[in-house]
Each structure stands twice: as C-alpha cells, then as structure tokens.
Amino acid sequence: IEHPIRWYGLFWLLGIVLCYKILGSLFKKEGRPTEFLDQLTIYI
C-alpha cells in the first residue's frame, strides 16, 4: 500500500496509551468502571 508510518503518529499513539494507563489507575482507585474511562477517552 506504500503508506508511511511516521514518528509523529507514533508519538500521538504513545500519548493516548500513557494517558489511558494513568487515568485508568486513578479511576480504579476511585471505583470508576473501565467503560467510564473508555468513553472519556473517545470524547477527548
């Protein structure tokens, strides 16, 4: 398909994953379900 994978896109993905993990840990302590974080992530 000759489509490039770029560093910029990779860092965007890394940012989303790290934010998801950190918020996931926080929401777990606050008793929030995974679905709560999933919906928030989509909105953001």
All heavy atoms as atom14 arrays in JSON, in Angstrom:
{
  "sequence": "IEHPIRWYGLFWLLGIVLCYKILGSLFKKEGRPTEFLDQLTIYI",
  "atom14_mask": [
    [1, 1, 1, 1, 1, 1, 1, 1, 0, 0, 0, 0, 0, 0],
    [1, 1, 1, 1, 1, 1, 1, 1, 1, 0, 0, 0, 0, 0],
    [1, 1, 1, 1, 1, 1, 1, 1, 1, 1, 0, 0, 0, 0],
    [1, 1, 1, 1, 1, 1, 1, 0, 0, 0, 0, 0, 0, 0],
    [1, 1, 1, 1, 1, 1, 1, 1, 0, 0, 0, 0, 0, 0],
    [1, 1, 1, 1, 1, 1, 1, 1, 1, 1, 1, 0, 0, 0],
    [1, 1, 1, 1, 1, 1, 1, 1, 1, 1, 1, 1, 1, 1],
    [1, 1, 1, 1, 1, 1, 1, 1, 1, 1, 1, 1, 0, 0],
    [1, 1, 1, 1, 0, 0, 0, 0, 0, 0, 0, 0, 0, 0],
    [1, 1, 1, 1, 1, 1, 1, 1, 0, 0, 0, 0, 0, 0],
    [1, 1, 1, 1, 1, 1, 1, 1, 1, 1, 1, 0, 0, 0],
    [1, 1, 1, 1, 1, 1, 1, 1, 1, 1, 1, 1, 1, 1],
    [1, 1, 1, 1, 1, 1, 1, 1, 0, 0, 0, 0, 0, 0],
    [1, 1, 1, 1, 1, 1, 1, 1, 0, 0, 0, 0, 0, 0],
    [1, 1, 1, 1, 0, 0, 0, 0, 0, 0, 0, 0, 0, 0],
    [1, 1, 1, 1, 1, 1, 1, 1, 0, 0, 0, 0, 0, 0],
    [1, 1, 1, 1, 1, 1, 1, 0, 0, 0, 0, 0, 0, 0],
    [1, 1, 1, 1, 1, 1, 1, 1, 0, 0, 0, 0, 0, 0],
    [1, 1, 1, 1, 1, 1, 0, 0, 0, 0, 0, 0, 0, 0],
    [1, 1, 1, 1, 1, 1, 1, 1, 1, 1, 1, 1, 0, 0],
    [1, 1, 1, 1, 1, 1, 1, 1, 1, 0, 0, 0, 0, 0],
    [1, 1, 1, 1, 1, 1, 1, 1, 0, 0, 0, 0, 0, 0],
    [1, 1, 1, 1, 1, 1, 1, 1, 0, 0, 0, 0, 0, 0],
    [1, 1, 1, 1, 0, 0, 0, 0, 0, 0, 0, 0, 0, 0],
    [1, 1, 1, 1, 1, 1, 0, 0, 0, 0, 0, 0, 0, 0],
    [1, 1, 1, 1, 1, 1, 1, 1, 0, 0, 0, 0, 0, 0],
    [1, 1, 1, 1, 1, 1, 1, 1, 1, 1, 1, 0, 0, 0],
    [1, 1, 1, 1, 1, 1, 1, 1, 1, 0, 0, 0, 0, 0],
    [1, 1, 1, 1, 1, 1, 1, 1, 1, 0, 0, 0, 0, 0],
    [1, 1, 1, 1, 1, 1, 1, 1, 1, 0, 0, 0, 0, 0],
    [1, 1, 1, 1, 0, 0, 0, 0, 0, 0, 0, 0, 0, 0],
    [1, 1, 1, 1, 1, 1, 1, 1, 1, 1, 1, 0, 0, 0],
    [1, 1, 1, 1, 1, 1, 1, 0, 0, 0, 0, 0, 0, 0],
    [1, 1, 1, 1, 1, 1, 1, 0, 0, 0, 0, 0, 0, 0],
    [1, 1, 1, 1, 1, 1, 1, 1, 1, 0, 0, 0, 0, 0],
    [1, 1, 1, 1, 1, 1, 1, 1, 1, 1, 1, 0, 0, 0],
    [1, 1, 1, 1, 1, 1, 1, 1, 0, 0, 0, 0, 0, 0],
    [1, 1, 1, 1, 1, 1, 1, 1, 0, 0, 0, 0, 0, 0],
    [1, 1, 1, 1, 1, 1, 1, 1, 1, 0, 0, 0, 0, 0],
    [1, 1, 1, 1, 1, 1, 1, 1, 0, 0, 0, 0, 0, 0],
    [1, 1, 1, 1, 1, 1, 1, 0, 0, 0, 0, 0, 0, 0],
    [1, 1, 1, 1, 1, 1, 1, 1, 0, 0, 0, 0, 0, 0],
    [1, 1, 1, 1, 1, 1, 1, 1, 1, 1, 1, 1, 0, 0],
    [1, 1, 1, 1, 1, 1, 1, 1, 0, 0, 0, 0, 0, 0]
  ],
  "atom14_positions": [
    [[0.82, -1.21, 0.0], [0.0, 0.0, 0.0], [0.86, 1.26, 0.0], [0.35, 2.37, -0.21], [-0.97, 0.02, 1.2], [-0.19, 0.05, 2.52], [-1.93, -1.14, 1.14], [-1.09, 0.23, 3.72], [0.0, 0.0, 0.0], [0.0, 0.0, 0.0], [0.0, 0.0, 0.0], [0.0, 0.0, 0.0], [0.0, 0.0, 0.0], [0.0, 0.0, 0.0]],
    [[2.17, 1.08, 0.24], [3.11, 2.19, 0.21], [2.68, 3.36, 1.12], [2.79, 4.53, 0.75], [3.26, 2.71, -1.23], [3.85, 1.69, -2.19], [5.27, 1.27, -1.78], [6.06, 2.15, -1.4], [5.56, 0.06, -1.84], [0.0, 0.0, 0.0], [0.0, 0.0, 0.0], [0.0, 0.0, 0.0], [0.0, 0.0, 0.0], [0.0, 0.0, 0.0]],
    [[2.21, 3.01, 2.3], [1.79, 4.04, 3.25], [2.84, 4.18, 4.35], [3.21, 3.2, 4.99], [0.43, 3.68, 3.87], [-0.09, 4.74, 4.81], [-0.66, 5.9, 4.35], [-0.11, 4.81, 6.17], [-1.03, 6.64, 5.38], [-0.7, 6.0, 6.5], [0.0, 0.0, 0.0], [0.0, 0.0, 0.0], [0.0, 0.0, 0.0], [0.0, 0.0, 0.0]],
    [[3.32, 5.4, 4.59], [4.38, 5.57, 5.6], [3.84, 5.55, 7.03], [2.74, 6.04, 7.29], [4.96, 6.94, 5.26], [3.81, 7.69, 4.66], [3.02, 6.67, 3.9], [0.0, 0.0, 0.0], [0.0, 0.0, 0.0], [0.0, 0.0, 0.0], [0.0, 0.0, 0.0], [0.0, 0.0, 0.0], [0.0, 0.0, 0.0], [0.0, 0.0, 0.0]],
    [[4.61, 4.98, 7.94], [4.35, 5.07, 9.36], [5.3, 6.13, 9.91], [6.51, 6.0, 9.8], [4.59, 3.72, 10.08], [3.66, 2.65, 9.49], [4.37, 3.86, 11.58], [2.18, 2.94, 9.68], [0.0, 0.0, 0.0], [0.0, 0.0, 0.0], [0.0, 0.0, 0.0], [0.0, 0.0, 0.0], [0.0, 0.0, 0.0], [0.0, 0.0, 0.0]],
    [[4.73, 7.2, 10.47], [5.53, 8.35, 10.86], [5.73, 8.43, 12.37], [4.9, 7.97, 13.14], [4.87, 9.64, 10.35], [4.83, 9.73, 8.83], [4.39, 11.12, 8.37], [4.58, 11.28, 6.93], [3.66, 11.04, 6.03], [2.46, 10.62, 6.4], [3.92, 11.2, 4.74], [0.0, 0.0, 0.0], [0.0, 0.0, 0.0], [0.0, 0.0, 0.0]],
    [[6.85, 9.03, 12.73], [7.15, 9.24, 14.15], [6.06, 10.06, 14.83], [5.71, 9.8, 15.98], [8.49, 9.97, 14.29], [9.68, 9.11, 14.01], [10.5, 9.16, 12.92], [10.21, 8.07, 14.85], [11.5, 8.22, 13.01], [11.35, 7.54, 14.2], [9.83, 7.53, 16.08], [12.1, 6.51, 14.74], [10.58, 6.51, 16.63], [11.7, 6.01, 15.95]],
    [[5.54, 11.06, 14.13], [4.52, 11.93, 14.72], [3.29, 11.13, 15.14], [2.78, 11.29, 16.26], [4.12, 13.02, 13.72], [3.21, 14.07, 14.3], [3.71, 15.08, 15.12], [1.85, 14.07, 14.02], [2.88, 16.05, 15.65], [1.0, 15.04, 14.54], [1.52, 16.03, 15.35], [0.68, 16.98, 15.89], [0.0, 0.0, 0.0], [0.0, 0.0, 0.0]],
    [[2.84, 10.27, 14.26], [1.68, 9.43, 14.58], [1.98, 8.47, 15.72], [1.12, 8.21, 16.58], [0.0, 0.0, 0.0], [0.0, 0.0, 0.0], [0.0, 0.0, 0.0], [0.0, 0.0, 0.0], [0.0, 0.0, 0.0], [0.0, 0.0, 0.0], [0.0, 0.0, 0.0], [0.0, 0.0, 0.0], [0.0, 0.0, 0.0], [0.0, 0.0, 0.0]],
    [[3.2, 7.94, 15.74], [3.59, 7.02, 16.81], [3.58, 7.73, 18.16], [3.11, 7.17, 19.17], [4.98, 6.46, 16.52], [5.53, 5.47, 17.57], [4.67, 4.22, 17.63], [6.97, 5.1, 17.25], [0.0, 0.0, 0.0], [0.0, 0.0, 0.0], [0.0, 0.0, 0.0], [0.0, 0.0, 0.0], [0.0, 0.0, 0.0], [0.0, 0.0, 0.0]],
    [[4.08, 8.96, 18.21], [4.08, 9.7, 19.47], [2.67, 10.09, 19.9], [2.37, 10.15, 21.1], [4.99, 10.93, 19.37], [6.44, 10.62, 19.63], [7.36, 10.6, 18.6], [6.88, 10.35, 20.92], [8.69, 10.3, 18.84], [8.21, 10.05, 21.16], [9.12, 10.03, 20.13], [0.0, 0.0, 0.0], [0.0, 0.0, 0.0], [0.0, 0.0, 0.0]],
    [[1.81, 10.37, 18.95], [0.4, 10.62, 19.28], [-0.19, 9.39, 19.95], [-0.86, 9.48, 20.99], [-0.39, 10.94, 18.0], [-0.71, 12.38, 17.82], [0.08, 13.34, 17.27], [-1.92, 13.04, 18.19], [-0.56, 14.55, 17.27], [-1.79, 14.41, 17.83], [-3.1, 12.61, 18.79], [-2.8, 15.34, 18.05], [-4.12, 13.55, 19.02], [-3.96, 14.89, 18.64]],
    [[0.04, 8.22, 19.35], [-0.48, 6.97, 19.91], [0.1, 6.71, 21.29], [-0.61, 6.29, 22.22], [-0.15, 5.82, 18.97], [-0.61, 4.42, 19.42], [-2.12, 4.38, 19.57], [-0.15, 3.36, 18.41], [0.0, 0.0, 0.0], [0.0, 0.0, 0.0], [0.0, 0.0, 0.0], [0.0, 0.0, 0.0], [0.0, 0.0, 0.0], [0.0, 0.0, 0.0]],
    [[1.41, 6.96, 21.45], [2.06, 6.77, 22.75], [1.42, 7.67, 23.8], [1.17, 7.24, 24.94], [3.55, 7.07, 22.63], [4.36, 6.98, 23.94], [4.32, 5.56, 24.49], [5.8, 7.43, 23.7], [0.0, 0.0, 0.0], [0.0, 0.0, 0.0], [0.0, 0.0, 0.0], [0.0, 0.0, 0.0], [0.0, 0.0, 0.0], [0.0, 0.0, 0.0]],
    [[1.13, 8.9, 23.44], [0.49, 9.83, 24.37], [-0.87, 9.34, 24.82], [-1.21, 9.4, 26.01], [0.0, 0.0, 0.0], [0.0, 0.0, 0.0], [0.0, 0.0, 0.0], [0.0, 0.0, 0.0], [0.0, 0.0, 0.0], [0.0, 0.0, 0.0], [0.0, 0.0, 0.0], [0.0, 0.0, 0.0], [0.0, 0.0, 0.0], [0.0, 0.0, 0.0]],
    [[-1.66, 8.83, 23.87], [-3.0, 8.31, 24.21], [-2.89, 7.12, 25.15], [-3.61, 7.01, 26.15], [-3.76, 7.92, 22.93], [-4.06, 9.16, 22.09], [-5.05, 7.18, 23.27], [-4.64, 8.86, 20.72], [0.0, 0.0, 0.0], [0.0, 0.0, 0.0], [0.0, 0.0, 0.0], [0.0, 0.0, 0.0], [0.0, 0.0, 0.0], [0.0, 0.0, 0.0]],
    [[-1.97, 6.2, 24.86], [-1.81, 4.99, 25.67], [-1.37, 5.35, 27.1], [-1.92, 4.83, 28.09], [-0.8, 4.03, 25.03], [-0.46, 2.88, 25.98], [-1.35, 3.47, 23.72], [0.0, 0.0, 0.0], [0.0, 0.0, 0.0], [0.0, 0.0, 0.0], [0.0, 0.0, 0.0], [0.0, 0.0, 0.0], [0.0, 0.0, 0.0], [0.0, 0.0, 0.0]],
    [[-0.39, 6.24, 27.22], [0.11, 6.62, 28.54], [-0.98, 7.33, 29.35], [-1.15, 7.05, 30.55], [1.32, 7.53, 28.4], [2.61, 6.88, 27.88], [3.71, 7.92, 27.7], [3.08, 5.77, 28.83], [0.0, 0.0, 0.0], [0.0, 0.0, 0.0], [0.0, 0.0, 0.0], [0.0, 0.0, 0.0], [0.0, 0.0, 0.0], [0.0, 0.0, 0.0]],
    [[-1.71, 8.23, 28.71], [-2.8, 8.93, 29.41], [-3.87, 7.95, 29.85], [-4.41, 8.06, 30.96], [-3.41, 10.0, 28.5], [-2.32, 11.4, 28.17], [0.0, 0.0, 0.0], [0.0, 0.0, 0.0], [0.0, 0.0, 0.0], [0.0, 0.0, 0.0], [0.0, 0.0, 0.0], [0.0, 0.0, 0.0], [0.0, 0.0, 0.0], [0.0, 0.0, 0.0]],
    [[-4.19, 6.99, 29.0], [-5.2, 5.98, 29.32], [-4.77, 5.15, 30.54], [-5.56, 4.89, 31.44], [-5.42, 5.08, 28.11], [-6.53, 4.06, 28.29], [-7.83, 4.37, 27.92], [-6.26, 2.8, 28.83], [-8.85, 3.43, 28.08], [-7.28, 1.88, 29.0], [-8.56, 2.19, 28.63], [-9.56, 1.28, 28.81], [0.0, 0.0, 0.0], [0.0, 0.0, 0.0]],
    [[-3.5, 4.77, 30.55], [-2.99, 3.95, 31.66], [-3.02, 4.71, 32.98], [-3.41, 4.18, 34.03], [-1.56, 3.49, 31.35], [-1.45, 2.47, 30.21], [-2.05, 1.15, 30.62], [-1.83, 0.11, 29.52], [-2.45, -1.21, 29.88], [0.0, 0.0, 0.0], [0.0, 0.0, 0.0], [0.0, 0.0, 0.0], [0.0, 0.0, 0.0], [0.0, 0.0, 0.0]],
    [[-2.57, 5.96, 32.94], [-2.52, 6.76, 34.17], [-3.91, 7.06, 34.7], [-4.19, 6.89, 35.9], [-1.75, 8.07, 33.91], [-0.29, 7.76, 33.58], [-1.82, 8.99, 35.13], [0.48, 8.96, 33.02], [0.0, 0.0, 0.0], [0.0, 0.0, 0.0], [0.0, 0.0, 0.0], [0.0, 0.0, 0.0], [0.0, 0.0, 0.0], [0.0, 0.0, 0.0]],
    [[-4.82, 7.47, 33.81], [-6.19, 7.73, 34.24], [-6.87, 6.44, 34.69], [-7.7, 6.45, 35.61], [-6.99, 8.39, 33.12], [-6.78, 9.89, 32.92], [-7.63, 10.41, 31.77], [-7.1, 10.65, 34.2], [0.0, 0.0, 0.0], [0.0, 0.0, 0.0], [0.0, 0.0, 0.0], [0.0, 0.0, 0.0], [0.0, 0.0, 0.0], [0.0, 0.0, 0.0]],
    [[-6.53, 5.33, 34.04], [-7.11, 4.04, 34.42], [-6.75, 3.69, 35.86], [-7.61, 3.22, 36.63], [0.0, 0.0, 0.0], [0.0, 0.0, 0.0], [0.0, 0.0, 0.0], [0.0, 0.0, 0.0], [0.0, 0.0, 0.0], [0.0, 0.0, 0.0], [0.0, 0.0, 0.0], [0.0, 0.0, 0.0], [0.0, 0.0, 0.0], [0.0, 0.0, 0.0]],
    [[-5.51, 3.94, 36.23], [-5.08, 3.67, 37.6], [-5.81, 4.59, 38.58], [-6.24, 4.15, 39.67], [-3.56, 3.89, 37.71], [-3.12, 3.74, 39.04], [0.0, 0.0, 0.0], [0.0, 0.0, 0.0], [0.0, 0.0, 0.0], [0.0, 0.0, 0.0], [0.0, 0.0, 0.0], [0.0, 0.0, 0.0], [0.0, 0.0, 0.0], [0.0, 0.0, 0.0]],
    [[-5.98, 5.85, 38.21], [-6.67, 6.8, 39.08], [-8.14, 6.44, 39.26], [-8.65, 6.42, 40.38], [-6.54, 8.21, 38.49], [-7.3, 9.32, 39.21], [-6.79, 9.5, 40.63], [-7.2, 10.63, 38.44], [0.0, 0.0, 0.0], [0.0, 0.0, 0.0], [0.0, 0.0, 0.0], [0.0, 0.0, 0.0], [0.0, 0.0, 0.0], [0.0, 0.0, 0.0]],
    [[-8.8, 6.16, 38.14], [-10.23, 5.83, 38.21], [-10.48, 4.51, 38.93], [-11.52, 4.34, 39.57], [-10.83, 5.79, 36.8], [-11.0, 7.14, 36.18], [-10.86, 7.32, 34.81], [-11.31, 8.24, 36.96], [-11.02, 8.57, 34.23], [-11.47, 9.5, 36.39], [-11.33, 9.67, 35.04], [0.0, 0.0, 0.0], [0.0, 0.0, 0.0], [0.0, 0.0, 0.0]],
    [[-9.55, 3.6, 38.84], [-9.68, 2.33, 39.56], [-9.72, 2.57, 41.06], [-10.51, 1.97, 41.79], [-8.53, 1.39, 39.2], [-8.66, 0.0, 39.82], [-7.52, -0.91, 39.36], [-7.67, -2.3, 39.97], [-6.57, -3.2, 39.53], [0.0, 0.0, 0.0], [0.0, 0.0, 0.0], [0.0, 0.0, 0.0], [0.0, 0.0, 0.0], [0.0, 0.0, 0.0]],
    [[-8.84, 3.48, 41.54], [-8.82, 3.82, 42.96], [-10.11, 4.52, 43.38], [-10.53, 4.43, 44.54], [-7.62, 4.71, 43.27], [-6.28, 4.02, 43.1], [-5.13, 4.99, 43.36], [-3.79, 4.3, 43.15], [-2.65, 5.26, 43.36], [0.0, 0.0, 0.0], [0.0, 0.0, 0.0], [0.0, 0.0, 0.0], [0.0, 0.0, 0.0], [0.0, 0.0, 0.0]],
    [[-10.73, 5.25, 42.44], [-11.96, 5.97, 42.74], [-13.21, 5.14, 42.48], [-14.32, 5.62, 42.66], [-12.02, 7.26, 41.91], [-10.92, 8.25, 42.26], [-11.0, 9.54, 41.47], [-11.57, 9.5, 40.36], [-10.5, 10.56, 41.94], [0.0, 0.0, 0.0], [0.0, 0.0, 0.0], [0.0, 0.0, 0.0], [0.0, 0.0, 0.0], [0.0, 0.0, 0.0]],
    [[-13.01, 3.9, 42.06], [-14.14, 3.0, 41.86], [-14.91, 3.22, 40.57], [-16.07, 2.8, 40.47], [0.0, 0.0, 0.0], [0.0, 0.0, 0.0], [0.0, 0.0, 0.0], [0.0, 0.0, 0.0], [0.0, 0.0, 0.0], [0.0, 0.0, 0.0], [0.0, 0.0, 0.0], [0.0, 0.0, 0.0], [0.0, 0.0, 0.0], [0.0, 0.0, 0.0]],
    [[-14.28, 3.83, 39.6], [-14.94, 4.05, 38.31], [-14.71, 2.86, 37.39], [-13.6, 2.33, 37.32], [-14.39, 5.31, 37.63], [-14.66, 6.58, 38.43], [-16.08, 7.04, 38.3], [-16.37, 8.16, 39.2], [-17.53, 8.78, 39.25], [-18.51, 8.4, 38.43], [-17.73, 9.76, 40.1], [0.0, 0.0, 0.0], [0.0, 0.0, 0.0], [0.0, 0.0, 0.0]],
    [[-15.74, 2.43, 36.65], [-15.59, 1.27, 35.76], [-14.74, 1.6, 34.54], [-14.55, 2.77, 34.17], [-17.03, 0.95, 35.35], [-17.75, 2.26, 35.46], [-17.11, 2.97, 36.64], [0.0, 0.0, 0.0], [0.0, 0.0, 0.0], [0.0, 0.0, 0.0], [0.0, 0.0, 0.0], [0.0, 0.0, 0.0], [0.0, 0.0, 0.0], [0.0, 0.0, 0.0]],
    [[-14.24, 0.57, 33.88], [-13.42, 0.75, 32.67], [-14.19, 1.46, 31.58], [-13.62, 2.25, 30.81], [-12.94, -0.62, 32.16], [-12.21, -1.29, 33.21], [-12.04, -0.47, 30.95], [0.0, 0.0, 0.0], [0.0, 0.0, 0.0], [0.0, 0.0, 0.0], [0.0, 0.0, 0.0], [0.0, 0.0, 0.0], [0.0, 0.0, 0.0], [0.0, 0.0, 0.0]],
    [[-15.49, 1.19, 31.49], [-16.32, 1.81, 30.46], [-16.33, 3.33, 30.6], [-16.41, 4.06, 29.61], [-17.76, 1.29, 30.54], [-17.93, -0.17, 30.14], [-17.46, -1.14, 31.23], [-17.24, -0.68, 32.39], [-17.32, -2.34, 30.94], [0.0, 0.0, 0.0], [0.0, 0.0, 0.0], [0.0, 0.0, 0.0], [0.0, 0.0, 0.0], [0.0, 0.0, 0.0]],
    [[-16.23, 3.81, 31.83], [-16.18, 5.24, 32.09], [-14.96, 5.87, 31.43], [-15.06, 6.89, 30.74], [-16.14, 5.47, 33.61], [-16.14, 6.92, 34.03], [-17.32, 7.62, 34.18], [-14.94, 7.58, 34.27], [-17.31, 8.96, 34.57], [-14.92, 8.91, 34.65], [-16.12, 9.6, 34.8], [0.0, 0.0, 0.0], [0.0, 0.0, 0.0], [0.0, 0.0, 0.0]],
    [[-13.82, 5.24, 31.61], [-12.58, 5.72, 31.01], [-12.61, 5.59, 29.49], [-12.14, 6.48, 28.77], [-11.38, 4.97, 31.58], [-10.01, 5.29, 30.97], [-9.68, 6.77, 31.11], [-8.93, 4.43, 31.61], [0.0, 0.0, 0.0], [0.0, 0.0, 0.0], [0.0, 0.0, 0.0], [0.0, 0.0, 0.0], [0.0, 0.0, 0.0], [0.0, 0.0, 0.0]],
    [[-13.15, 4.49, 29.0], [-13.22, 4.28, 27.55], [-14.02, 5.39, 26.87], [-13.61, 5.94, 25.84], [-13.86, 2.93, 27.24], [-12.97, 1.76, 27.64], [-11.76, 1.98, 27.84], [-13.49, 0.64, 27.78], [0.0, 0.0, 0.0], [0.0, 0.0, 0.0], [0.0, 0.0, 0.0], [0.0, 0.0, 0.0], [0.0, 0.0, 0.0], [0.0, 0.0, 0.0]],
    [[-15.16, 5.74, 27.46], [-15.99, 6.8, 26.89], [-15.29, 8.15, 26.96], [-15.32, 8.93, 26.0], [-17.34, 6.86, 27.62], [-18.23, 5.65, 27.38], [-19.53, 5.73, 28.15], [-19.99, 6.81, 28.5], [-20.13, 4.59, 28.45], [0.0, 0.0, 0.0], [0.0, 0.0, 0.0], [0.0, 0.0, 0.0], [0.0, 0.0, 0.0], [0.0, 0.0, 0.0]],
    [[-14.66, 8.43, 28.1], [-13.94, 9.7, 28.25], [-12.82, 9.8, 27.22], [-12.6, 10.87, 26.62], [-13.37, 9.81, 29.66], [-12.51, 11.06, 29.95], [-13.31, 12.33, 29.72], [-11.94, 11.01, 31.36], [0.0, 0.0, 0.0], [0.0, 0.0, 0.0], [0.0, 0.0, 0.0], [0.0, 0.0, 0.0], [0.0, 0.0, 0.0], [0.0, 0.0, 0.0]],
    [[-12.11, 8.7, 26.99], [-11.01, 8.69, 26.03], [-11.5, 9.02, 24.63], [-10.88, 9.8, 23.9], [-10.31, 7.32, 26.03], [-9.8, 7.04, 27.34], [-9.16, 7.3, 25.03], [0.0, 0.0, 0.0], [0.0, 0.0, 0.0], [0.0, 0.0, 0.0], [0.0, 0.0, 0.0], [0.0, 0.0, 0.0], [0.0, 0.0, 0.0], [0.0, 0.0, 0.0]],
    [[-12.62, 8.44, 24.24], [-13.18, 8.71, 22.91], [-13.54, 10.18, 22.77], [-13.22, 10.83, 21.76], [-14.42, 7.82, 22.66], [-14.01, 6.35, 22.57], [-15.14, 8.24, 21.37], [-15.18, 5.38, 22.51], [0.0, 0.0, 0.0], [0.0, 0.0, 0.0], [0.0, 0.0, 0.0], [0.0, 0.0, 0.0], [0.0, 0.0, 0.0], [0.0, 0.0, 0.0]],
    [[-14.18, 10.73, 23.78], [-14.56, 12.15, 23.76], [-13.31, 13.03, 23.62], [-13.28, 13.96, 22.8], [-15.3, 12.53, 25.05], [-16.79, 12.29, 25.02], [-17.32, 11.01, 25.17], [-17.69, 13.35, 24.87], [-18.69, 10.79, 25.16], [-19.06, 13.15, 24.87], [-19.56, 11.86, 25.01], [-20.91, 11.65, 25.0], [0.0, 0.0, 0.0], [0.0, 0.0, 0.0]],
    [[-12.3, 12.74, 24.43], [-11.09, 13.58, 24.44], [-10.32, 13.48, 23.13], [-9.86, 14.5, 22.59], [-10.18, 13.19, 25.62], [-10.87, 13.48, 26.95], [-8.86, 13.95, 25.54], [-11.19, 14.93, 27.18], [0.0, 0.0, 0.0], [0.0, 0.0, 0.0], [0.0, 0.0, 0.0], [0.0, 0.0, 0.0], [0.0, 0.0, 0.0], [0.0, 0.0, 0.0]]
  ]
}
